[in-house]
PDB file of N, CA and C in Angstrom:
ATOM      1  N   MET A   1     -43.036 -79.710 -60.863  1.00  0.00           N
ATOM      2  CA  MET A   1     -43.427 -78.386 -60.304  1.00  0.00           C
ATOM      3  C   MET A   1     -42.780 -77.165 -61.238  1.00  0.00           C
ATOM      4  N   LYS A   2     -43.293 -76.131 -61.426  1.00  0.00           N
ATOM      5  CA  LYS A   2     -42.831 -74.919 -62.250  1.00  0.00           C
ATOM      6  C   LYS A   2     -42.765 -73.944 -61.160  1.00  0.00           C
ATOM      7  N   ALA A   3     -41.624 -72.900 -61.191  1.00  0.00           N
ATOM      8  CA  ALA A   3     -41.625 -71.692 -60.731  1.00  0.00           C
ATOM      9  C   ALA A   3     -41.636 -70.586 -61.675  1.00  0.00           C
ATOM     10  N   LEU A   4     -42.857 -69.782 -61.678  1.00  0.00           N
ATOM     11  CA  LEU A   4     -42.769 -68.424 -62.601  1.00  0.00           C
ATOM     12  C   LEU A   4     -42.375 -67.546 -61.468  1.00  0.00           C
ATOM     13  N   ILE A   5     -41.296 -67.053 -62.073  1.00  0.00           N
ATOM     14  CA  ILE A   5     -40.630 -65.532 -61.388  1.00  0.00           C
ATOM     15  C   ILE A   5     -40.958 -64.426 -61.944  1.00  0.00           C
ATOM     16  N   ARG A   6     -41.211 -63.325 -61.251  1.00  0.00           N
ATOM     17  CA  ARG A   6     -41.279 -61.808 -61.842  1.00  0.00           C
ATOM     18  C   ARG A   6     -40.522 -61.227 -61.234  1.00  0.00           C
ATOM     19  N   ILE A   7     -39.389 -60.599 -61.912  1.00  0.00           N
ATOM     20  CA  ILE A   7     -38.406 -59.329 -61.024  1.00  0.00           C
ATOM     21  C   ILE A   7     -38.585 -57.832 -61.943  1.00  0.00           C
ATOM     22  N   THR A   8     -38.902 -57.044 -60.890  1.00  0.00           N
ATOM     23  CA  THR A   8     -39.397 -55.734 -61.342  1.00  0.00           C
ATOM     24  C   THR A   8     -38.407 -54.866 -60.232  1.00  0.00           C
ATOM     25  N   LEU A   9     -37.759 -53.694 -61.098  1.00  0.00           N
ATOM     26  CA  LEU A   9     -37.213 -52.340 -60.302  1.00  0.00           C
ATOM     27  C   LEU A   9     -38.346 -52.036 -59.013  1.00  0.00           C
ATOM     28  N   LYS A  10     -37.562 -51.896 -57.813  1.00  0.00           N
ATOM     29  CA  LYS A  10     -38.195 -51.120 -57.008  1.00  0.00           C
ATOM     30  C   LYS A  10     -38.361 -49.576 -57.486  1.00  0.00           C
ATOM     31  N   ASN A  11     -39.818 -49.315 -56.784  1.00  0.00           N
ATOM     32  CA  ASN A  11     -40.172 -47.903 -56.632  1.00  0.00           C
ATOM     33  C   ASN A  11     -38.634 -46.743 -56.317  1.00  0.00           C
ATOM     34  N   GLY A  12     -39.059 -45.689 -57.417  1.00  0.00           N
ATOM     35  CA  GLY A  12     -37.847 -44.790 -56.970  1.00  0.00           C
ATOM     36  C   GLY A  12     -36.820 -45.379 -57.762  1.00  0.00           C
ATOM     37  N   VAL A  13     -36.610 -46.386 -58.348  1.00  0.00           N
ATOM     38  CA  VAL A  13     -35.211 -46.922 -59.613  1.00  0.00           C
ATOM     39  C   VAL A  13     -35.727 -46.465 -60.515  1.00  0.00           C
ATOM     40  N   LEU A  14     -34.152 -45.456 -60.991  1.00  0.00           N
ATOM     41  CA  LEU A  14     -35.064 -45.244 -62.557  1.00  0.00           C
ATOM     42  C   LEU A  14     -34.720 -46.377 -63.390  1.00  0.00           C
ATOM     43  N   ASP A  15     -35.377 -46.288 -64.315  1.00  0.00           N
ATOM     44  CA  ASP A  15     -35.880 -47.420 -65.338  1.00  0.00           C
ATOM     45  C   ASP A  15     -35.726 -46.975 -66.997  1.00  0.00           C
ATOM     46  N   PRO A  16     -34.530 -46.969 -67.746  1.00  0.00           N
ATOM     47  CA  PRO A  16     -34.366 -46.431 -68.747  1.00  0.00           C
ATOM     48  C   PRO A  16     -34.946 -47.346 -69.777  1.00  0.00           C
ATOM     49  N   GLN A  17     -34.856 -48.417 -69.421  1.00  0.00           N
ATOM     50  CA  GLN A  17     -35.443 -49.365 -70.456  1.00  0.00           C
ATOM     51  C   GLN A  17     -37.049 -49.117 -70.602  1.00  0.00           C
ATOM     52  N   GLY A  18     -37.748 -49.003 -69.647  1.00  0.00           N
ATOM     53  CA  GLY A  18     -39.161 -48.593 -69.315  1.00  0.00           C
ATOM     54  C   GLY A  18     -39.730 -47.391 -70.274  1.00  0.00           C
ATOM     55  N   LYS A  19     -38.479 -46.264 -69.783  1.00  0.00           N
ATOM     56  CA  LYS A  19     -38.803 -45.052 -70.669  1.00  0.00           C
ATOM     57  C   LYS A  19     -38.456 -44.790 -72.119  1.00  0.00           C
ATOM     58  N   ALA A  20     -37.578 -46.008 -72.536  1.00  0.00           N
ATOM     59  CA  ALA A  20     -37.450 -46.105 -73.879  1.00  0.00           C
ATOM     60  C   ALA A  20     -38.671 -46.783 -74.786  1.00  0.00           C
ATOM     61  N   ILE A  21     -38.950 -47.449 -74.054  1.00  0.00           N
ATOM     62  CA  ILE A  21     -40.274 -48.624 -74.114  1.00  0.00           C
ATOM     63  C   ILE A  21     -41.529 -47.596 -74.276  1.00  0.00           C
ATOM     64  N   GLU A  22     -41.889 -46.969 -73.346  1.00  0.00           N
ATOM     65  CA  GLU A  22     -42.953 -45.447 -73.376  1.00  0.00           C
ATOM     66  C   GLU A  22     -42.596 -44.729 -74.701  1.00  0.00           C
ATOM     67  N   GLY A  23     -41.477 -44.155 -74.962  1.00  0.00           N
ATOM     68  CA  GLY A  23     -41.446 -43.252 -76.103  1.00  0.00           C
ATOM     69  C   GLY A  23     -41.331 -44.000 -77.231  1.00  0.00           C
ATOM     70  N   ALA A  24     -41.165 -45.287 -77.425  1.00  0.00           N
ATOM     71  CA  ALA A  24     -41.362 -45.972 -78.494  1.00  0.00           C
ATOM     72  C   ALA A  24     -42.764 -46.129 -78.991  1.00  0.00           C
ATOM     73  N   VAL A  25     -43.099 -46.227 -77.607  1.00  0.00           N
ATOM     74  CA  VAL A  25     -45.154 -46.564 -78.097  1.00  0.00           C
ATOM     75  C   VAL A  25     -45.223 -45.585 -78.258  1.00  0.00           C
ATOM     76  N   ARG A  26     -45.219 -44.349 -77.647  1.00  0.00           N
ATOM     77  CA  ARG A  26     -46.075 -43.148 -77.782  1.00  0.00           C
ATOM     78  C   ARG A  26     -45.494 -42.727 -79.428  1.00  0.00           C
ATOM     79  N   GLY A  27     -44.297 -42.866 -79.993  1.00  0.00           N
ATOM     80  CA  GLY A  27     -43.860 -42.668 -81.016  1.00  0.00           C
ATOM     81  C   GLY A  27     -44.621 -43.492 -82.407  1.00  0.00           C
ATOM     82  N   LEU A  28     -45.301 -44.542 -82.172  1.00  0.00           N
ATOM     83  CA  LEU A  28     -46.085 -45.336 -82.843  1.00  0.00           C
ATOM     84  C   LEU A  28     -47.494 -44.644 -82.992  1.00  0.00           C
ATOM     85  N   GLY A  29     -47.336 -43.529 -82.124  1.00  0.00           N
ATOM     86  CA  GLY A  29     -49.067 -42.935 -82.050  1.00  0.00           C
ATOM     87  C   GLY A  29     -50.144 -43.622 -80.984  1.00  0.00           C
ATOM     88  N   ILE A  30     -49.390 -44.234 -80.472  1.00  0.00           N
ATOM     89  CA  ILE A  30     -50.648 -45.021 -79.496  1.00  0.00           C
ATOM     90  C   ILE A  30     -50.764 -44.377 -78.071  1.00  0.00           C
ATOM     91  N   THR A  31     -51.907 -44.062 -77.919  1.00  0.00           N
ATOM     92  CA  THR A  31     -52.422 -43.149 -76.672  1.00  0.00           C
ATOM     93  C   THR A  31     -53.045 -43.909 -75.358  1.00  0.00           C
ATOM     94  N   GLY A  32     -52.949 -43.353 -74.445  1.00  0.00           N
ATOM     95  CA  GLY A  32     -53.725 -44.060 -73.183  1.00  0.00           C
ATOM     96  C   GLY A  32     -52.633 -44.725 -72.235  1.00  0.00           C
ATOM     97  N   ILE A  33     -51.241 -44.261 -72.519  1.00  0.00           N
ATOM     98  CA  ILE A  33     -50.471 -45.384 -71.290  1.00  0.00           C
ATOM     99  C   ILE A  33     -49.867 -44.211 -70.892  1.00  0.00           C
ATOM    100  N   GLY A  34     -49.824 -44.924 -69.231  1.00  0.00           N
ATOM    101  CA  GLY A  34     -49.065 -44.066 -68.610  1.00  0.00           C
ATOM    102  C   GLY A  34     -47.762 -44.496 -68.368  1.00  0.00           C
ATOM    103  N   ASP A  35     -47.017 -44.735 -67.230  1.00  0.00           N
ATOM    104  CA  ASP A  35     -45.621 -44.835 -67.153  1.00  0.00           C
ATOM    105  C   ASP A  35     -45.433 -46.464 -67.079  1.00  0.00           C
ATOM    106  N   VAL A  36     -44.184 -46.542 -67.886  1.00  0.00           N
ATOM    107  CA  VAL A  36     -43.669 -47.846 -68.193  1.00  0.00           C
ATOM    108  C   VAL A  36     -42.735 -48.371 -67.688  1.00  0.00           C
ATOM    109  N   ARG A  37     -42.648 -49.810 -66.985  1.00  0.00           N
ATOM    110  CA  ARG A  37     -41.617 -50.075 -66.164  1.00  0.00           C
ATOM    111  C   ARG A  37     -41.363 -51.573 -66.854  1.00  0.00           C
ATOM    112  N   GLN A  38     -40.236 -51.908 -66.922  1.00  0.00           N
ATOM    113  CA  GLN A  38     -39.839 -53.078 -67.487  1.00  0.00           C
ATOM    114  C   GLN A  38     -38.994 -53.797 -66.291  1.00  0.00           C
ATOM    115  N   GLY A  39     -39.416 -55.361 -66.789  1.00  0.00           N
ATOM    116  CA  GLY A  39     -38.792 -56.126 -65.742  1.00  0.00           C
ATOM    117  C   GLY A  39     -38.187 -57.586 -66.584  1.00  0.00           C
ATOM    118  N   LYS A  40     -38.097 -58.621 -65.623  1.00  0.00           N
ATOM    119  CA  LYS A  40     -37.832 -59.859 -66.144  1.00  0.00           C
ATOM    120  C   LYS A  40     -38.513 -61.140 -65.514  1.00  0.00           C
ATOM    121  N   PHE A  41     -39.117 -61.870 -66.601  1.00  0.00           N
ATOM    122  CA  PHE A  41     -40.042 -63.144 -66.299  1.00  0.00           C
ATOM    123  C   PHE A  41     -38.932 -64.098 -66.316  1.00  0.00           C
ATOM    124  N   ILE A  42     -38.781 -65.350 -65.316  1.00  0.00           N
ATOM    125  CA  ILE A  42     -38.257 -66.623 -65.451  1.00  0.00           C
ATOM    126  C   ILE A  42     -38.887 -67.828 -65.146  1.00  0.00           C
ATOM    127  N   GLU A  43     -38.938 -68.393 -65.949  1.00  0.00           N
ATOM    128  CA  GLU A  43     -39.371 -69.676 -65.958  1.00  0.00           C
ATOM    129  C   GLU A  43     -38.628 -70.773 -65.553  1.00  0.00           C
ATOM    130  N   VAL A  44     -38.795 -71.747 -64.263  1.00  0.00           N
ATOM    131  CA  VAL A  44     -37.811 -72.541 -63.971  1.00  0.00           C
ATOM    132  C   VAL A  44     -38.769 -73.728 -63.484  1.00  0.00           C
ATOM    133  N   GLN A  45     -38.545 -75.398 -64.319  1.00  0.00           N
ATOM    134  CA  GLN A  45     -39.270 -76.226 -63.544  1.00  0.00           C
ATOM    135  C   GLN A  45     -37.990 -76.820 -62.877  1.00  0.00           C
ATOM    136  N   LEU A  46     -38.880 -76.997 -61.589  1.00  0.00           N
ATOM    137  CA  LEU A  46     -38.134 -77.853 -60.452  1.00  0.00           C
ATOM    138  C   LEU A  46     -38.538 -79.171 -60.573  1.00  0.00           C
ATOM    139  N   THR A  47     -37.481 -80.181 -60.175  1.00  0.00           N
ATOM    140  CA  THR A  47     -37.614 -81.442 -59.823  1.00  0.00           C
ATOM    141  C   THR A  47     -38.504 -81.863 -58.323  1.00  0.00           C
ATOM    142  N   GLU A  48     -38.336 -80.914 -57.324  1.00  0.00           N
ATOM    143  CA  GLU A  48     -38.675 -80.864 -56.263  1.00  0.00           C
ATOM    144  C   GLU A  48     -40.195 -80.967 -55.929  1.00  0.00           C
ATOM    145  N   THR A  49     -41.055 -81.764 -55.344  1.00  0.00           N
ATOM    146  CA  THR A  49     -42.297 -82.224 -55.475  1.00  0.00           C
ATOM    147  C   THR A  49     -42.909 -81.188 -54.375  1.00  0.00           C
ATOM    148  N   ASP A  50     -41.941 -81.258 -53.190  1.00  0.00           N
ATOM    149  CA  ASP A  50     -42.640 -80.602 -51.859  1.00  0.00           C
ATOM    150  C   ASP A  50     -42.676 -79.091 -51.934  1.00  0.00           C
ATOM    151  N   GLN A  51     -44.004 -78.885 -51.856  1.00  0.00           N
ATOM    152  CA  GLN A  51     -44.451 -77.184 -51.854  1.00  0.00           C
ATOM    153  C   GLN A  51     -43.326 -76.574 -50.834  1.00  0.00           C
ATOM    154  N   SER A  52     -42.777 -76.937 -50.010  1.00  0.00           N
ATOM    155  CA  SER A  52     -42.449 -75.904 -48.993  1.00  0.00           C
ATOM    156  C   SER A  52     -40.463 -75.904 -49.437  1.00  0.00           C
ATOM    157  N   LYS A  53     -40.269 -77.303 -49.471  1.00  0.00           N
ATOM    158  CA  LYS A  53     -38.762 -77.323 -49.995  1.00  0.00           C
ATOM    159  C   LYS A  53     -38.741 -76.311 -51.535  1.00  0.00           C
ATOM    160  N   ALA A  54     -39.708 -76.765 -52.529  1.00  0.00           N
ATOM    161  CA  ALA A  54     -39.695 -76.202 -53.653  1.00  0.00           C
ATOM    162  C   ALA A  54     -39.943 -74.132 -53.397  1.00  0.00           C
ATOM    163  N   LYS A  55     -40.416 -73.915 -52.657  1.00  0.00           N
ATOM    164  CA  LYS A  55     -40.480 -72.672 -52.060  1.00  0.00           C
ATOM    165  C   LYS A  55     -38.941 -72.148 -51.455  1.00  0.00           C
ATOM    166  N   GLN A  56     -38.319 -72.893 -50.808  1.00  0.00           N
ATOM    167  CA  GLN A  56     -37.054 -72.739 -50.378  1.00  0.00           C
ATOM    168  C   GLN A  56     -36.049 -72.687 -51.466  1.00  0.00           C
ATOM    169  N   ILE A  57     -35.924 -73.483 -52.251  1.00  0.00           N
ATOM    170  CA  ILE A  57     -35.106 -73.093 -53.517  1.00  0.00           C
ATOM    171  C   ILE A  57     -35.207 -72.033 -54.420  1.00  0.00           C
ATOM    172  N   VAL A  58     -36.392 -71.762 -54.612  1.00  0.00           N
ATOM    173  CA  VAL A  58     -36.842 -70.650 -55.335  1.00  0.00           C
ATOM    174  C   VAL A  58     -36.152 -69.750 -54.619  1.00  0.00           C
ATOM    175  N   GLU A  59     -36.800 -69.169 -53.272  1.00  0.00           N
ATOM    176  CA  GLU A  59     -36.469 -68.091 -52.576  1.00  0.00           C
ATOM    177  C   GLU A  59     -34.220 -67.893 -52.454  1.00  0.00           C
ATOM    178  N   GLN A  60     -33.768 -69.157 -52.298  1.00  0.00           N
ATOM    179  CA  GLN A  60     -32.395 -69.011 -52.439  1.00  0.00           C
ATOM    180  C   GLN A  60     -31.708 -68.566 -53.927  1.00  0.00           C
ATOM    181  N   MET A  61     -32.629 -68.821 -55.148  1.00  0.00           N
ATOM    182  CA  MET A  61     -32.136 -68.729 -56.040  1.00  0.00           C
ATOM    183  C   MET A  61     -32.442 -67.150 -56.524  1.00  0.00           C
ATOM    184  N   CYS A  62     -33.315 -66.554 -55.999  1.00  0.00           N
ATOM    185  CA  CYS A  62     -33.957 -65.252 -56.351  1.00  0.00           C
ATOM    186  C   CYS A  62     -32.987 -64.186 -55.631  1.00  0.00           C
ATOM    187  N   LYS A  63     -32.384 -64.599 -54.363  1.00  0.00           N
ATOM    188  CA  LYS A  63     -31.750 -63.520 -53.271  1.00  0.00           C
ATOM    189  C   LYS A  63     -30.138 -63.878 -53.883  1.00  0.00           C
ATOM    190  N   ASP A  64     -29.880 -65.123 -54.009  1.00  0.00           N
ATOM    191  CA  ASP A  64     -28.396 -65.398 -54.287  1.00  0.00           C
ATOM    192  C   ASP A  64     -28.096 -65.176 -55.699  1.00  0.00           C
ATOM    193  N   LEU A  65     -29.372 -64.902 -56.875  1.00  0.00           N
ATOM    194  CA  LEU A  65     -28.550 -65.247 -58.035  1.00  0.00           C
ATOM    195  C   LEU A  65     -29.354 -64.380 -58.969  1.00  0.00           C
ATOM    196  N   LEU A  66     -30.813 -64.455 -58.858  1.00  0.00           N
ATOM    197  CA  LEU A  66     -31.259 -63.667 -60.146  1.00  0.00           C
ATOM    198  C   LEU A  66     -32.094 -62.468 -59.632  1.00  0.00           C
ATOM    199  N   ALA A  67     -32.318 -62.066 -58.787  1.00  0.00           N
ATOM    200  CA  ALA A  67     -32.614 -60.690 -58.278  1.00  0.00           C
ATOM    201  C   ALA A  67     -31.617 -59.861 -57.524  1.00  0.00           C
ATOM    202  N   ASN A  68     -31.488 -58.583 -57.670  1.00  0.00           N
ATOM    203  CA  ASN A  68     -30.457 -57.934 -57.063  1.00  0.00           C
ATOM    204  C   ASN A  68     -31.427 -57.155 -56.176  1.00  0.00           C
ATOM    205  N   THR A  69     -31.536 -57.440 -54.769  1.00  0.00           N
ATOM    206  CA  THR A  69     -32.423 -57.295 -54.086  1.00  0.00           C
ATOM    207  C   THR A  69     -32.167 -55.871 -53.503  1.00  0.00           C
ATOM    208  N   VAL A  70     -30.816 -55.320 -53.667  1.00  0.00           N
ATOM    209  CA  VAL A  70     -31.210 -53.691 -53.422  1.00  0.00           C
ATOM    210  C   VAL A  70     -31.652 -52.786 -54.652  1.00  0.00           C
ATOM    211  N   ILE A  71     -32.110 -53.306 -55.507  1.00  0.00           N
ATOM    212  CA  ILE A  71     -32.816 -52.226 -56.826  1.00  0.00           C
ATOM    213  C   ILE A  71     -33.817 -53.362 -56.914  1.00  0.00           C
ATOM    214  N   GLU A  72     -34.285 -54.471 -56.713  1.00  0.00           N
ATOM    215  CA  GLU A  72     -35.089 -55.047 -57.191  1.00  0.00           C
ATOM    216  C   GLU A  72     -36.174 -55.629 -56.464  1.00  0.00           C
ATOM    217  N   ASN A  73     -37.376 -56.018 -56.858  1.00  0.00           N
ATOM    218  CA  ASN A  73     -37.876 -57.281 -55.762  1.00  0.00           C
ATOM    219  C   ASN A  73     -38.787 -58.147 -56.882  1.00  0.00           C
ATOM    220  N   TYR A  74     -38.783 -59.183 -56.437  1.00  0.00           N
ATOM    221  CA  TYR A  74     -38.887 -60.391 -56.934  1.00  0.00           C
ATOM    222  C   TYR A  74     -40.636 -61.120 -56.377  1.00  0.00           C
ATOM    223  N   ALA A  75     -41.722 -61.915 -57.083  1.00  0.00           N
ATOM    224  CA  ALA A  75     -42.200 -62.422 -56.334  1.00  0.00           C
ATOM    225  C   ALA A  75     -42.343 -63.897 -57.653  1.00  0.00           C
ATOM    226  N   TYR A  76     -43.117 -64.550 -57.161  1.00  0.00           N
ATOM    227  CA  TYR A  76     -43.350 -66.133 -58.091  1.00  0.00           C
ATOM    228  C   TYR A  76     -44.531 -66.724 -57.290  1.00  0.00           C
ATOM    229  N   ASP A  77     -44.846 -67.760 -58.464  1.00  0.00           N
ATOM    230  CA  ASP A  77     -46.034 -68.548 -58.075  1.00  0.00           C
ATOM    231  C   ASP A  77     -45.067 -70.011 -58.240  1.00  0.00           C
ATOM    232  N   LEU A  78     -45.552 -70.655 -57.609  1.00  0.00           N
ATOM    233  CA  LEU A  78     -45.370 -72.302 -57.834  1.00  0.00           C
ATOM    234  C   LEU A  78     -46.694 -72.932 -58.310  1.00  0.00           C
ATOM    235  N   VAL A  79     -46.221 -73.642 -59.765  1.00  0.00           N
ATOM    236  CA  VAL A  79     -47.471 -74.367 -60.406  1.00  0.00           C
ATOM    237  C   VAL A  79     -47.120 -75.890 -60.114  1.00  0.00           C
ATOM    238  N   PRO A  80     -48.119 -76.812 -59.967  1.00  0.00           N
ATOM    239  CA  PRO A  80     -47.725 -78.058 -60.155  1.00  0.00           C
ATOM    240  C   PRO A  80     -47.607 -78.335 -61.267  1.00  0.00           C
TER     241      PRO A  80
END
């Protein structure tokens, strides 16, 4: 089983990397974009085959290590 984890900054948290990307894109002359927010994508191969146990493992990883839950949100999908 594989966990596909997305971590993004919460609304209202300043995103200097997103602003830098936004400025660079506009500097290239690309138009038609709005606000840019940057995040992280993490792919984890799990040896656990039980869906509920895998969910518990991923929740613990996200809360204890991967995401700073004060300023970041996380979401994930479990894929067989």
